[in-house]
């Protein structure tokens, strides 16, 4: 039992403040050096298994990579909320998770993750649907929280829908293709 203010202060965790200024950023040269070190560190700690190739020269960090980054920065991860929506028969329809990544200096960032049964990844196998929806939403939330705190907003592989091409507009009609072909001749 803590009885005095001094005992209370002694019992509290020590907060180490790394910078005194609130509004003044790091010097540009220091910030550039930190970003260069971050980029070099990613090349060093992440291996080929931590990246998902999306084609077209795009690669995304996978769950394993985001966990390595969190360990590199000594981040703590907390799940803030975890909700599941169900239909009238009680079947799971979607999951929503909020996660928080916390740095040793107390700075934190939140990330949200959502998952819905309409995603192409669930079309074939619905046996573990509740577990898979929650797990995918959790992975997305944790990846985003880590990314928001240290990853400069990079998208994780778990957020990419590999089964769907990006929407680019209406399909060309035979007539419009003919007009375009004649214009290019």
N, C-alpha and C. Protein backbone atom coordinates (compact mmCIF):
# COMPACT_ATOMS: atom_id res chain seq x y z
N UNK A 1 0.85 -1.18 0.00
CA UNK A 1 0.00 0.00 0.00
C UNK A 1 0.89 1.24 0.00
N UNK A 2 0.61 2.15 -0.92
CA UNK A 2 1.36 3.40 -1.03
C UNK A 2 0.72 4.42 -0.10
N UNK A 3 1.52 5.05 0.77
CA UNK A 3 0.97 5.96 1.75
C UNK A 3 1.35 7.41 1.54
N UNK A 4 2.49 7.66 0.88
CA UNK A 4 2.94 9.04 0.71
C UNK A 4 3.09 9.36 -0.77
N UNK A 5 3.14 10.64 -1.07
CA UNK A 5 3.34 11.10 -2.45
C UNK A 5 4.67 10.58 -2.98
N UNK A 6 5.71 10.59 -2.15
CA UNK A 6 7.03 10.11 -2.57
C UNK A 6 6.98 8.63 -2.93
N UNK A 7 6.25 7.83 -2.14
CA UNK A 7 6.12 6.41 -2.45
C UNK A 7 5.34 6.21 -3.74
N UNK A 8 4.32 7.04 -3.96
CA UNK A 8 3.54 6.97 -5.19
C UNK A 8 4.42 7.29 -6.39
N UNK A 9 5.21 8.36 -6.30
CA UNK A 9 6.11 8.73 -7.40
C UNK A 9 7.11 7.62 -7.67
N UNK A 10 7.64 7.00 -6.63
CA UNK A 10 8.61 5.92 -6.78
C UNK A 10 7.98 4.69 -7.44
N UNK A 11 6.68 4.48 -7.23
CA UNK A 11 5.99 3.32 -7.78
C UNK A 11 5.58 3.50 -9.23
N UNK A 12 5.51 4.75 -9.70
CA UNK A 12 5.09 5.00 -11.08
C UNK A 12 6.20 4.66 -12.06
N UNK A 13 5.84 4.21 -13.26
CA UNK A 13 6.87 3.94 -14.26
C UNK A 13 7.57 5.24 -14.67
N UNK A 14 8.84 5.11 -15.01
CA UNK A 14 9.62 6.27 -15.41
C UNK A 14 9.33 6.58 -16.87
N UNK A 15 8.99 7.83 -17.14
CA UNK A 15 8.75 8.27 -18.51
C UNK A 15 9.97 9.05 -18.97
N UNK A 16 10.60 8.54 -20.02
CA UNK A 16 11.78 9.21 -20.54
C UNK A 16 11.35 10.08 -21.71
N UNK A 17 11.53 11.37 -21.57
CA UNK A 17 11.17 12.29 -22.64
C UNK A 17 12.38 12.46 -23.54
N UNK A 18 12.21 12.19 -24.82
CA UNK A 18 13.34 12.23 -25.73
C UNK A 18 13.56 13.61 -26.33
N UNK A 19 12.52 14.44 -26.41
CA UNK A 19 12.66 15.78 -26.97
C UNK A 19 11.88 16.75 -26.11
N UNK A 20 12.38 17.96 -25.97
CA UNK A 20 11.73 18.96 -25.16
C UNK A 20 10.71 19.79 -25.96
N UNK A 21 11.00 20.06 -27.23
CA UNK A 21 10.14 20.94 -28.01
C UNK A 21 8.83 20.25 -28.36
N UNK A 22 7.80 21.06 -28.48
CA UNK A 22 6.53 20.53 -28.91
C UNK A 22 6.30 20.85 -30.38
N UNK A 23 6.62 22.05 -30.81
CA UNK A 23 6.33 22.48 -32.17
C UNK A 23 7.52 22.43 -33.11
N UNK A 24 8.71 22.37 -32.59
CA UNK A 24 9.89 22.42 -33.45
C UNK A 24 10.27 21.01 -33.88
N UNK A 25 10.31 20.75 -35.17
CA UNK A 25 10.68 19.41 -35.65
C UNK A 25 12.19 19.21 -35.58
N UNK A 26 12.60 17.99 -35.85
CA UNK A 26 14.03 17.71 -35.97
C UNK A 26 14.61 18.53 -37.11
N UNK A 27 15.89 18.79 -37.03
CA UNK A 27 16.57 19.46 -38.14
C UNK A 27 16.43 18.58 -39.38
N UNK A 28 16.30 19.19 -40.54
CA UNK A 28 16.09 18.44 -41.78
C UNK A 28 17.18 17.41 -42.00
N UNK A 29 18.41 17.77 -41.75
CA UNK A 29 19.51 16.83 -41.96
C UNK A 29 19.37 15.62 -41.02
N UNK A 30 18.92 15.85 -39.79
CA UNK A 30 18.72 14.75 -38.84
C UNK A 30 17.54 13.87 -39.26
N UNK A 31 16.48 14.50 -39.73
CA UNK A 31 15.30 13.75 -40.17
C UNK A 31 15.64 12.92 -41.40
N UNK A 32 16.38 13.49 -42.34
CA UNK A 32 16.78 12.73 -43.53
C UNK A 32 17.64 11.55 -43.14
N UNK A 33 18.58 11.75 -42.22
CA UNK A 33 19.43 10.65 -41.77
C UNK A 33 18.58 9.55 -41.11
N UNK A 34 17.57 9.94 -40.33
CA UNK A 34 16.70 8.97 -39.69
C UNK A 34 15.89 8.19 -40.73
N UNK A 35 15.39 8.87 -41.75
CA UNK A 35 14.62 8.19 -42.80
C UNK A 35 15.52 7.26 -43.62
N UNK A 36 16.73 7.71 -43.91
CA UNK A 36 17.68 6.85 -44.63
C UNK A 36 18.00 5.61 -43.81
N UNK A 37 18.19 5.78 -42.50
CA UNK A 37 18.47 4.64 -41.62
C UNK A 37 17.27 3.69 -41.58
N UNK A 38 16.07 4.26 -41.57
CA UNK A 38 14.85 3.44 -41.58
C UNK A 38 14.79 2.60 -42.86
N UNK A 39 15.01 3.24 -44.01
CA UNK A 39 14.95 2.52 -45.29
C UNK A 39 16.02 1.43 -45.35
N UNK A 40 17.21 1.74 -44.89
CA UNK A 40 18.30 0.76 -44.87
C UNK A 40 17.97 -0.38 -43.91
N UNK A 41 17.38 -0.03 -42.77
CA UNK A 41 17.00 -1.04 -41.80
C UNK A 41 15.97 -2.01 -42.35
N UNK A 42 14.99 -1.48 -43.12
CA UNK A 42 13.99 -2.36 -43.72
C UNK A 42 14.65 -3.39 -44.63
N UNK A 43 15.64 -2.94 -45.40
CA UNK A 43 16.36 -3.87 -46.28
C UNK A 43 17.11 -4.92 -45.48
N UNK A 44 17.57 -4.55 -44.29
CA UNK A 44 18.36 -5.47 -43.48
C UNK A 44 17.51 -6.47 -42.69
N UNK A 45 16.40 -6.01 -42.11
CA UNK A 45 15.64 -6.91 -41.23
C UNK A 45 14.55 -7.71 -41.95
N UNK A 46 14.08 -7.22 -43.10
CA UNK A 46 13.04 -7.95 -43.82
C UNK A 46 13.67 -8.80 -44.91
N UNK A 47 13.24 -10.05 -44.99
CA UNK A 47 13.74 -10.90 -46.07
C UNK A 47 12.62 -11.12 -47.10
N UNK A 48 12.89 -11.92 -48.09
CA UNK A 48 11.94 -12.11 -49.20
C UNK A 48 10.60 -12.64 -48.71
N UNK A 49 10.59 -13.42 -47.64
CA UNK A 49 9.34 -13.97 -47.12
C UNK A 49 8.45 -12.92 -46.45
N UNK A 50 8.99 -11.74 -46.17
CA UNK A 50 8.23 -10.68 -45.51
C UNK A 50 7.57 -9.73 -46.50
N UNK A 51 7.73 -10.00 -47.78
CA UNK A 51 7.18 -9.13 -48.82
C UNK A 51 6.23 -9.93 -49.70
N UNK A 52 5.16 -9.28 -50.15
CA UNK A 52 4.24 -9.86 -51.11
C UNK A 52 4.38 -9.08 -52.40
N UNK A 53 4.66 -9.78 -53.49
CA UNK A 53 4.81 -9.12 -54.78
C UNK A 53 3.44 -8.99 -55.42
N UNK A 54 3.08 -7.76 -55.76
CA UNK A 54 1.77 -7.51 -56.37
C UNK A 54 1.85 -7.36 -57.87
N UNK A 55 3.06 -7.51 -58.43
CA UNK A 55 3.23 -7.28 -59.86
C UNK A 55 3.33 -5.79 -60.13
N UNK A 56 3.55 -5.44 -61.36
CA UNK A 56 3.65 -4.03 -61.77
C UNK A 56 4.68 -3.27 -60.93
N UNK A 57 5.67 -3.99 -60.37
CA UNK A 57 6.71 -3.33 -59.59
C UNK A 57 6.30 -2.94 -58.19
N UNK A 58 5.14 -3.40 -57.74
CA UNK A 58 4.66 -3.07 -56.40
C UNK A 58 4.88 -4.24 -55.45
N UNK A 59 5.39 -3.92 -54.25
CA UNK A 59 5.55 -4.92 -53.20
C UNK A 59 4.95 -4.36 -51.92
N UNK A 60 4.40 -5.26 -51.12
CA UNK A 60 3.77 -4.87 -49.87
C UNK A 60 4.35 -5.69 -48.73
N UNK A 61 4.52 -5.07 -47.58
CA UNK A 61 5.03 -5.76 -46.40
C UNK A 61 3.92 -6.66 -45.85
N UNK A 62 4.27 -7.92 -45.58
CA UNK A 62 3.33 -8.88 -45.02
C UNK A 62 3.32 -8.79 -43.49
N UNK A 63 2.42 -9.54 -42.88
CA UNK A 63 2.27 -9.58 -41.42
C UNK A 63 3.61 -9.84 -40.73
N UNK A 64 4.35 -10.82 -41.22
CA UNK A 64 5.64 -11.15 -40.59
C UNK A 64 6.59 -9.96 -40.60
N UNK A 65 6.57 -9.19 -41.68
CA UNK A 65 7.43 -8.01 -41.78
C UNK A 65 7.03 -6.92 -40.80
N UNK A 66 5.71 -6.68 -40.68
CA UNK A 66 5.26 -5.66 -39.73
C UNK A 66 5.59 -6.06 -38.30
N UNK A 67 5.54 -7.37 -37.99
CA UNK A 67 5.90 -7.80 -36.64
C UNK A 67 7.40 -7.61 -36.39
N UNK A 68 8.22 -7.84 -37.40
CA UNK A 68 9.66 -7.59 -37.26
C UNK A 68 9.93 -6.09 -37.04
N UNK A 69 9.21 -5.25 -37.76
CA UNK A 69 9.37 -3.81 -37.60
C UNK A 69 8.96 -3.40 -36.19
N UNK A 70 7.86 -3.96 -35.69
CA UNK A 70 7.41 -3.64 -34.32
C UNK A 70 8.47 -4.06 -33.31
N UNK A 71 9.09 -5.22 -33.50
CA UNK A 71 10.14 -5.67 -32.59
C UNK A 71 11.37 -4.77 -32.70
N UNK A 72 11.71 -4.35 -33.91
CA UNK A 72 12.85 -3.46 -34.15
C UNK A 72 12.71 -2.16 -33.37
N UNK A 73 11.49 -1.62 -33.33
CA UNK A 73 11.22 -0.36 -32.64
C UNK A 73 10.77 -0.55 -31.19
N UNK A 74 10.76 -1.80 -30.71
CA UNK A 74 10.31 -2.12 -29.35
C UNK A 74 8.90 -1.62 -29.07
N UNK A 75 8.00 -1.82 -30.02
CA UNK A 75 6.62 -1.36 -29.87
C UNK A 75 5.80 -2.37 -29.09
N UNK A 76 4.87 -1.88 -28.33
CA UNK A 76 3.85 -2.70 -27.71
C UNK A 76 2.59 -2.57 -28.55
N UNK A 77 1.85 -3.67 -28.66
CA UNK A 77 0.62 -3.66 -29.45
C UNK A 77 -0.54 -4.00 -28.53
N UNK A 78 -1.61 -3.21 -28.62
CA UNK A 78 -2.81 -3.43 -27.83
C UNK A 78 -4.01 -3.48 -28.77
N UNK A 79 -4.94 -4.39 -28.50
CA UNK A 79 -6.20 -4.38 -29.23
C UNK A 79 -7.16 -3.49 -28.45
N UNK A 80 -7.68 -2.46 -29.11
CA UNK A 80 -8.54 -1.48 -28.46
C UNK A 80 -9.99 -1.92 -28.52
N UNK A 81 -10.45 -2.34 -29.69
CA UNK A 81 -11.82 -2.86 -29.84
C UNK A 81 -11.80 -4.05 -30.78
N UNK A 82 -12.79 -4.90 -30.61
CA UNK A 82 -12.95 -6.10 -31.44
C UNK A 82 -14.44 -6.36 -31.53
N UNK A 83 -15.03 -6.11 -32.70
CA UNK A 83 -16.47 -6.26 -32.85
C UNK A 83 -16.78 -7.17 -34.03
N UNK A 84 -17.84 -7.96 -33.88
CA UNK A 84 -18.30 -8.84 -34.95
C UNK A 84 -19.77 -8.52 -35.21
N UNK A 85 -20.12 -8.34 -36.48
CA UNK A 85 -21.51 -8.12 -36.86
C UNK A 85 -22.07 -9.42 -37.41
N UNK A 86 -23.32 -9.71 -37.05
CA UNK A 86 -23.97 -10.96 -37.46
C UNK A 86 -25.29 -10.66 -38.17
N UNK A 87 -25.73 -11.61 -39.00
CA UNK A 87 -27.02 -11.47 -39.65
C UNK A 87 -28.12 -11.96 -38.71
N UNK A 88 -29.36 -12.01 -39.21
CA UNK A 88 -30.52 -12.40 -38.40
C UNK A 88 -30.40 -13.82 -37.86
N UNK A 89 -29.69 -14.70 -38.58
CA UNK A 89 -29.52 -16.09 -38.14
C UNK A 89 -28.31 -16.28 -37.23
N UNK A 90 -27.61 -15.18 -36.94
CA UNK A 90 -26.45 -15.27 -36.06
C UNK A 90 -25.14 -15.57 -36.77
N UNK A 91 -25.17 -15.64 -38.10
CA UNK A 91 -23.95 -15.91 -38.86
C UNK A 91 -23.10 -14.65 -38.96
N UNK A 92 -21.81 -14.82 -38.76
CA UNK A 92 -20.89 -13.69 -38.82
C UNK A 92 -20.89 -13.09 -40.23
N UNK A 93 -20.90 -11.77 -40.32
CA UNK A 93 -20.91 -11.06 -41.60
C UNK A 93 -19.65 -10.23 -41.80
N UNK A 94 -19.20 -9.59 -40.73
CA UNK A 94 -18.00 -8.74 -40.82
C UNK A 94 -17.39 -8.58 -39.45
N UNK A 95 -16.12 -8.21 -39.46
CA UNK A 95 -15.40 -7.96 -38.20
C UNK A 95 -14.72 -6.61 -38.29
N UNK A 96 -14.63 -5.95 -37.14
CA UNK A 96 -13.99 -4.64 -37.06
C UNK A 96 -13.08 -4.66 -35.83
N UNK A 97 -11.82 -4.28 -36.02
CA UNK A 97 -10.85 -4.27 -34.94
C UNK A 97 -10.07 -2.95 -34.99
N UNK A 98 -9.82 -2.37 -33.81
CA UNK A 98 -8.92 -1.22 -33.68
C UNK A 98 -7.75 -1.68 -32.84
N UNK A 99 -6.54 -1.37 -33.29
CA UNK A 99 -5.33 -1.73 -32.56
C UNK A 99 -4.51 -0.47 -32.32
N UNK A 100 -3.65 -0.53 -31.32
CA UNK A 100 -2.77 0.60 -30.98
C UNK A 100 -1.34 0.09 -30.87
N UNK A 101 -0.44 0.79 -31.54
CA UNK A 101 1.00 0.53 -31.40
C UNK A 101 1.56 1.63 -30.51
N UNK A 102 2.33 1.24 -29.49
CA UNK A 102 2.86 2.19 -28.52
C UNK A 102 4.38 2.09 -28.50
N UNK A 103 5.04 3.23 -28.70
CA UNK A 103 6.51 3.29 -28.66
C UNK A 103 6.98 3.40 -27.22
N UNK A 104 8.23 3.06 -26.96
CA UNK A 104 8.76 3.15 -25.60
C UNK A 104 8.65 4.55 -24.99
N UNK A 105 8.65 5.60 -25.81
CA UNK A 105 8.55 6.96 -25.26
C UNK A 105 7.10 7.38 -25.02
N UNK A 106 6.14 6.49 -25.27
CA UNK A 106 4.73 6.79 -25.02
C UNK A 106 3.97 7.23 -26.25
N UNK A 107 4.66 7.58 -27.30
CA UNK A 107 3.97 7.97 -28.54
C UNK A 107 3.22 6.75 -29.07
N UNK A 108 2.02 6.98 -29.62
CA UNK A 108 1.24 5.86 -30.12
C UNK A 108 0.49 6.23 -31.38
N UNK A 109 0.04 5.22 -32.08
CA UNK A 109 -0.81 5.40 -33.26
C UNK A 109 -1.80 4.25 -33.30
N UNK A 110 -3.00 4.55 -33.75
CA UNK A 110 -4.05 3.54 -33.87
C UNK A 110 -4.17 3.11 -35.32
N UNK A 111 -4.72 1.93 -35.49
CA UNK A 111 -5.01 1.42 -36.83
C UNK A 111 -6.32 0.66 -36.79
N UNK A 112 -7.10 0.78 -37.84
CA UNK A 112 -8.36 0.07 -37.93
C UNK A 112 -8.26 -1.03 -38.95
N UNK A 113 -9.00 -2.10 -38.72
CA UNK A 113 -9.02 -3.22 -39.65
C UNK A 113 -10.43 -3.75 -39.77
N UNK A 114 -10.87 -3.96 -40.99
CA UNK A 114 -12.20 -4.46 -41.26
C UNK A 114 -12.10 -5.66 -42.17
N UNK A 115 -13.07 -6.54 -42.08
CA UNK A 115 -13.11 -7.71 -42.94
C UNK A 115 -14.57 -8.11 -43.12
N UNK A 116 -14.93 -8.48 -44.33
CA UNK A 116 -16.32 -8.78 -44.67
C UNK A 116 -16.37 -10.11 -45.43
N UNK A 117 -17.46 -10.85 -45.24
CA UNK A 117 -17.57 -12.15 -45.91
C UNK A 117 -17.63 -12.04 -47.43
N UNK A 118 -17.88 -10.86 -47.96
CA UNK A 118 -17.96 -10.70 -49.41
C UNK A 118 -16.59 -10.67 -50.07
N UNK A 119 -15.51 -10.61 -49.28
CA UNK A 119 -14.16 -10.59 -49.86
C UNK A 119 -13.88 -11.90 -50.59
N UNK A 120 -13.19 -11.81 -51.71
CA UNK A 120 -12.94 -12.98 -52.54
C UNK A 120 -12.19 -14.08 -51.81
N UNK A 121 -11.38 -13.75 -50.82
CA UNK A 121 -10.61 -14.76 -50.09
C UNK A 121 -11.50 -15.74 -49.34
N UNK A 122 -12.77 -15.39 -49.07
CA UNK A 122 -13.67 -16.25 -48.32
C UNK A 122 -14.68 -16.98 -49.20
N UNK A 123 -14.61 -16.80 -50.51
CA UNK A 123 -15.59 -17.40 -51.41
C UNK A 123 -15.55 -18.93 -51.38
N UNK A 124 -14.37 -19.51 -51.25
CA UNK A 124 -14.23 -20.97 -51.33
C UNK A 124 -14.37 -21.67 -49.99
N UNK A 125 -13.86 -21.09 -48.91
CA UNK A 125 -13.81 -21.79 -47.64
C UNK A 125 -14.50 -20.97 -46.55
N UNK A 126 -15.63 -21.47 -46.11
CA UNK A 126 -16.38 -20.78 -45.06
C UNK A 126 -16.36 -21.57 -43.75
N UNK A 127 -15.53 -22.61 -43.68
CA UNK A 127 -15.50 -23.49 -42.51
C UNK A 127 -15.07 -22.76 -41.25
N UNK A 128 -14.09 -21.88 -41.38
CA UNK A 128 -13.57 -21.16 -40.21
C UNK A 128 -13.83 -19.67 -40.36
N UNK A 129 -14.98 -19.33 -40.86
CA UNK A 129 -15.28 -17.96 -41.24
C UNK A 129 -15.14 -16.97 -40.08
N UNK A 130 -15.68 -17.30 -38.91
CA UNK A 130 -15.60 -16.36 -37.79
C UNK A 130 -14.14 -16.11 -37.40
N UNK A 131 -13.37 -17.17 -37.28
CA UNK A 131 -11.96 -17.03 -36.94
C UNK A 131 -11.20 -16.26 -38.02
N UNK A 132 -11.46 -16.60 -39.27
CA UNK A 132 -10.73 -15.96 -40.37
C UNK A 132 -11.07 -14.47 -40.50
N UNK A 133 -12.36 -14.12 -40.34
CA UNK A 133 -12.74 -12.71 -40.42
C UNK A 133 -12.08 -11.91 -39.31
N UNK A 134 -12.15 -12.42 -38.09
CA UNK A 134 -11.55 -11.72 -36.96
C UNK A 134 -10.03 -11.64 -37.11
N UNK A 135 -9.43 -12.74 -37.51
CA UNK A 135 -7.98 -12.76 -37.67
C UNK A 135 -7.51 -11.79 -38.73
N UNK A 136 -8.20 -11.74 -39.86
CA UNK A 136 -7.83 -10.83 -40.93
C UNK A 136 -8.01 -9.38 -40.50
N UNK A 137 -9.13 -9.08 -39.84
CA UNK A 137 -9.37 -7.71 -39.36
C UNK A 137 -8.31 -7.31 -38.33
N UNK A 138 -7.93 -8.24 -37.46
CA UNK A 138 -6.90 -7.96 -36.45
C UNK A 138 -5.55 -7.71 -37.12
N UNK A 139 -5.19 -8.56 -38.07
CA UNK A 139 -3.92 -8.37 -38.77
C UNK A 139 -3.88 -7.02 -39.46
N UNK A 140 -4.96 -6.65 -40.11
CA UNK A 140 -5.01 -5.36 -40.80
C UNK A 140 -4.88 -4.20 -39.80
N UNK A 141 -5.57 -4.30 -38.68
CA UNK A 141 -5.53 -3.22 -37.68
C UNK A 141 -4.13 -3.09 -37.09
N UNK A 142 -3.52 -4.21 -36.72
CA UNK A 142 -2.18 -4.17 -36.13
C UNK A 142 -1.17 -3.66 -37.15
N UNK A 143 -1.24 -4.16 -38.38
CA UNK A 143 -0.32 -3.68 -39.42
C UNK A 143 -0.45 -2.17 -39.62
N UNK A 144 -1.68 -1.69 -39.66
CA UNK A 144 -1.90 -0.25 -39.85
C UNK A 144 -1.39 0.56 -38.66
N UNK A 145 -1.60 0.05 -37.45
CA UNK A 145 -1.13 0.78 -36.27
C UNK A 145 0.40 0.91 -36.31
N UNK A 146 1.08 -0.19 -36.61
CA UNK A 146 2.54 -0.16 -36.71
C UNK A 146 2.96 0.78 -37.83
N UNK A 147 2.33 0.64 -38.99
CA UNK A 147 2.64 1.48 -40.13
C UNK A 147 2.40 2.95 -39.83
N UNK A 148 1.29 3.24 -39.17
CA UNK A 148 0.98 4.63 -38.83
C UNK A 148 2.01 5.23 -37.89
N UNK A 149 2.58 4.40 -37.02
CA UNK A 149 3.54 4.91 -36.05
C UNK A 149 4.94 5.04 -36.64
N UNK A 150 5.37 4.07 -37.43
CA UNK A 150 6.77 4.10 -37.90
C UNK A 150 6.94 3.90 -39.40
N UNK A 151 5.91 3.42 -40.08
CA UNK A 151 6.08 2.99 -41.46
C UNK A 151 5.70 3.98 -42.52
N UNK A 152 5.46 5.21 -42.14
CA UNK A 152 5.15 6.26 -43.10
C UNK A 152 3.93 5.94 -43.95
N UNK A 153 2.96 5.23 -43.37
CA UNK A 153 1.68 5.01 -44.03
C UNK A 153 1.67 3.96 -45.12
N UNK A 154 2.65 3.08 -45.15
CA UNK A 154 2.69 2.05 -46.19
C UNK A 154 1.50 1.11 -46.05
N UNK A 155 1.02 0.59 -47.16
CA UNK A 155 -0.07 -0.37 -47.17
C UNK A 155 0.52 -1.76 -46.95
N UNK A 156 -0.17 -2.59 -46.17
CA UNK A 156 0.31 -3.95 -45.95
C UNK A 156 -0.30 -4.89 -46.98
N UNK A 157 0.34 -6.03 -47.14
CA UNK A 157 -0.12 -7.02 -48.12
C UNK A 157 -1.53 -7.50 -47.79
N UNK A 158 -1.89 -7.55 -46.51
CA UNK A 158 -3.20 -8.04 -46.12
C UNK A 158 -4.33 -7.10 -46.52
N UNK A 159 -4.01 -5.89 -46.92
CA UNK A 159 -5.04 -4.94 -47.34
C UNK A 159 -5.33 -5.00 -48.83
N UNK A 160 -4.50 -5.72 -49.57
CA UNK A 160 -4.66 -5.78 -51.01
C UNK A 160 -5.57 -6.94 -51.35
N UNK A 161 -6.59 -6.68 -52.18
CA UNK A 161 -7.49 -7.74 -52.63
C UNK A 161 -6.90 -8.32 -53.90
N UNK A 162 -6.22 -9.45 -53.75
CA UNK A 162 -5.49 -10.04 -54.88
C UNK A 162 -6.43 -10.65 -55.91
N UNK A 163 -7.69 -10.90 -55.54
CA UNK A 163 -8.61 -11.55 -56.46
C UNK A 163 -9.34 -10.60 -57.37
N UNK A 164 -9.13 -9.32 -57.23
CA UNK A 164 -9.88 -8.35 -57.99
C UNK A 164 -8.95 -7.35 -58.63
N UNK A 165 -9.16 -7.08 -59.90
CA UNK A 165 -8.40 -6.02 -60.55
C UNK A 165 -8.97 -4.68 -60.11
N UNK A 166 -8.15 -3.65 -60.03
CA UNK A 166 -8.67 -2.36 -59.62
C UNK A 166 -9.68 -1.83 -60.63
N UNK A 167 -10.71 -1.17 -60.15
CA UNK A 167 -11.71 -0.58 -61.03
C UNK A 167 -11.10 0.59 -61.78
N UNK A 168 -11.31 0.62 -63.08
CA UNK A 168 -10.75 1.70 -63.88
C UNK A 168 -11.81 2.40 -64.71
N UNK A 169 -13.04 2.07 -64.55
CA UNK A 169 -14.09 2.71 -65.32
C UNK A 169 -14.87 1.67 -66.11
N UNK A 170 -15.77 2.16 -66.96
CA UNK A 170 -16.59 1.26 -67.75
C UNK A 170 -15.75 0.59 -68.84
N UNK A 171 -16.14 -0.62 -69.21
CA UNK A 171 -15.46 -1.33 -70.29
C UNK A 171 -15.73 -0.61 -71.61
N UNK A 172 -14.73 -0.65 -72.46
CA UNK A 172 -14.87 -0.01 -73.77
C UNK A 172 -15.85 -0.81 -74.63
N UNK A 173 -16.68 -0.10 -75.38
CA UNK A 173 -17.61 -0.76 -76.29
C UNK A 173 -16.88 -1.04 -77.60
N UNK A 174 -17.43 -1.93 -78.40
CA UNK A 174 -16.85 -2.24 -79.70
C UNK A 174 -16.76 -0.97 -80.55
N UNK A 175 -17.79 -0.13 -80.48
CA UNK A 175 -17.81 1.11 -81.25
C UNK A 175 -16.69 2.05 -80.82
N UNK A 176 -16.48 2.22 -79.48
CA UNK A 176 -15.44 3.14 -79.02
C UNK A 176 -14.05 2.62 -79.34
N UNK A 177 -13.87 1.29 -79.34
CA UNK A 177 -12.57 0.72 -79.71
C UNK A 177 -12.30 1.00 -81.18
N UNK A 178 -13.33 0.88 -82.03
CA UNK A 178 -13.18 1.16 -83.45
C UNK A 178 -12.82 2.62 -83.71
N UNK A 179 -13.48 3.54 -83.00
CA UNK A 179 -13.20 4.96 -83.15
C UNK A 179 -11.76 5.25 -82.74
N UNK A 180 -11.33 4.67 -81.62
CA UNK A 180 -9.96 4.88 -81.16
C UNK A 180 -8.96 4.30 -82.13
N UNK A 181 -9.22 3.11 -82.65
CA UNK A 181 -8.30 2.48 -83.61
C UNK A 181 -8.14 3.34 -84.86
N UNK A 182 -9.26 3.87 -85.38
CA UNK A 182 -9.19 4.70 -86.58
C UNK A 182 -8.43 5.99 -86.31
N UNK A 183 -8.61 6.53 -85.12
CA UNK A 183 -7.93 7.79 -84.76
C UNK A 183 -6.42 7.59 -84.65
N UNK A 184 -5.98 6.40 -84.26
CA UNK A 184 -4.55 6.13 -84.11
C UNK A 184 -3.88 5.77 -85.41
N UNK A 185 -4.64 5.50 -86.47
CA UNK A 185 -4.03 5.12 -87.77
C UNK A 185 -3.55 6.31 -88.52
